[in-house]
Amino acid sequence: MENRDKISTVDKVSNLAHDAVNKATSATHQVADKLAEKGDQFNGAAHEAIDKATEATHQASERLVEKSEQWISAEERLLNQGCEYVRENPLTSVSIAVGVGFLLSRLLSNR
């Protein structure tokens, strides 16, 4: 009978060990599933952030191109107006240039 009690106790301990292993395995699978889910969520959030940053950069780039085109257009317009003024008023233009040159030479020679 003593042998039977030992076997019965071994069976009980074995069953308890199997149950513990099964519970641990189940818990590990649950944790792994949650980690995979969080990883997918993080991956999605990262892609969304990258997409937003890319879109913002693209919009800023487009605005910069538009502004640079506006500045180039304004520069060309002012240059054409200046050339036209000099052609229409050569004496006035030369007089202004001489006056500005004289003033600059006086200011720079005092230093």
Protein backbone atom coordinates (compact mmCIF):
# COMPACT_ATOMS: atom_id res chain seq x y z
CA MET A 1 0.00 0.00 0.00
CA GLU A 2 2.86 2.27 0.70
CA ASN A 3 3.98 1.85 -2.91
CA ARG A 4 0.53 2.76 -4.12
CA ASP A 5 0.53 5.95 -2.03
CA LYS A 6 3.90 6.90 -3.47
CA ILE A 7 2.65 6.35 -7.03
CA SER A 8 -0.52 8.27 -6.28
CA THR A 9 1.55 11.14 -4.84
CA VAL A 10 3.89 11.08 -7.85
CA ASP A 11 0.88 11.16 -10.18
CA LYS A 12 -0.58 14.10 -8.29
CA VAL A 13 2.72 16.00 -8.38
CA SER A 14 3.13 15.13 -12.06
CA ASN A 15 -0.39 16.35 -12.83
CA LEU A 16 0.24 19.55 -10.87
CA ALA A 17 3.50 20.08 -12.75
CA HIS A 18 1.76 19.53 -16.10
CA ASP A 19 -0.98 21.96 -15.10
CA ALA A 20 1.62 24.53 -14.09
CA VAL A 21 3.50 24.10 -17.38
CA ASN A 22 0.24 24.39 -19.34
CA LYS A 23 -0.73 27.57 -17.48
CA ALA A 24 2.73 29.05 -17.98
CA THR A 25 2.60 28.18 -21.69
CA SER A 26 -0.84 29.73 -22.01
CA ALA A 27 0.28 32.89 -20.21
CA THR A 28 3.38 33.08 -22.42
CA HIS A 29 1.23 32.80 -25.55
CA GLN A 30 -1.09 35.52 -24.26
CA VAL A 31 1.85 37.83 -23.57
CA ALA A 32 3.35 37.07 -26.99
CA ASP A 33 0.01 37.82 -28.67
CA LYS A 34 -0.30 41.12 -26.79
CA LEU A 35 3.26 42.06 -27.69
CA ALA A 36 2.60 41.27 -31.34
CA GLU A 37 -0.56 43.38 -31.23
CA LYS A 38 1.29 46.29 -29.61
CA GLY A 39 4.07 45.90 -32.17
CA ASP A 40 1.52 46.14 -34.97
CA GLN A 41 -0.02 49.22 -33.35
CA PHE A 42 3.40 50.81 -32.92
CA ASN A 43 4.30 49.96 -36.50
CA GLY A 44 1.07 51.54 -37.73
CA ALA A 45 1.65 54.65 -35.62
CA ALA A 46 5.21 54.94 -36.89
CA HIS A 47 4.06 54.68 -40.50
CA GLU A 48 1.37 57.27 -39.86
CA ALA A 49 3.90 59.66 -38.31
CA ILE A 50 6.28 59.17 -41.23
CA ASP A 51 3.46 59.76 -43.70
CA LYS A 52 2.46 62.98 -41.91
CA ALA A 53 6.06 64.20 -41.82
CA THR A 54 6.49 63.39 -45.51
CA GLU A 55 3.31 65.25 -46.40
CA ALA A 56 4.33 68.28 -44.33
CA THR A 57 7.76 68.31 -45.96
CA HIS A 58 6.19 68.03 -49.40
CA GLN A 59 3.82 70.93 -48.68
CA ALA A 60 6.65 73.09 -47.33
CA SER A 61 8.73 72.29 -50.39
CA GLU A 62 5.88 73.29 -52.70
CA ARG A 63 5.42 76.58 -50.82
CA LEU A 64 9.13 77.31 -51.03
CA VAL A 65 9.11 76.69 -54.77
CA GLU A 66 6.09 79.00 -55.17
CA LYS A 67 7.71 81.74 -53.09
CA SER A 68 11.02 81.45 -54.93
CA GLU A 69 9.17 81.78 -58.24
CA GLN A 70 7.40 84.88 -56.90
CA TRP A 71 10.71 86.40 -55.77
CA ILE A 72 12.34 85.65 -59.13
CA SER A 73 9.38 87.23 -60.92
CA ALA A 74 9.53 90.32 -58.69
CA GLU A 75 13.30 90.60 -59.24
CA GLU A 76 12.88 90.39 -63.02
CA ARG A 77 10.10 92.96 -62.93
CA LEU A 78 12.17 95.42 -60.86
CA LEU A 79 15.21 94.91 -63.08
CA ASN A 80 13.14 95.56 -66.20
CA GLN A 81 11.59 98.68 -64.63
CA GLY A 82 15.05 99.95 -63.63
CA CYS A 83 16.45 99.37 -67.13
CA GLU A 84 13.43 101.04 -68.68
CA TYR A 85 13.80 104.07 -66.38
CA VAL A 86 17.50 104.41 -67.29
CA ARG A 87 16.67 104.23 -71.02
CA GLU A 88 13.91 106.82 -70.70
CA ASN A 89 15.87 109.15 -68.37
CA PRO A 90 19.59 108.75 -69.09
CA LEU A 91 20.68 112.17 -67.75
CA THR A 92 18.71 111.81 -64.54
CA SER A 93 20.07 108.28 -64.05
CA VAL A 94 23.69 109.40 -64.59
CA SER A 95 23.17 112.37 -62.27
CA ILE A 96 21.76 110.11 -59.54
CA ALA A 97 24.65 107.67 -59.99
CA VAL A 98 27.23 110.49 -59.75
CA GLY A 99 25.53 111.90 -56.65
CA VAL A 100 25.40 108.52 -54.90
CA GLY A 101 29.04 107.85 -55.87
CA PHE A 102 30.12 111.23 -54.49
CA LEU A 103 28.28 110.67 -51.19
CA LEU A 104 29.74 107.18 -50.79
CA SER A 105 33.27 108.42 -51.50
CA ARG A 106 32.86 111.18 -48.85
CA LEU A 107 31.49 108.74 -46.28
CA LEU A 108 34.18 106.13 -46.90
CA SER A 109 37.09 108.59 -47.11
CA ASN A 110 36.38 109.96 -43.59
CA ARG A 111 37.12 106.59 -42.07
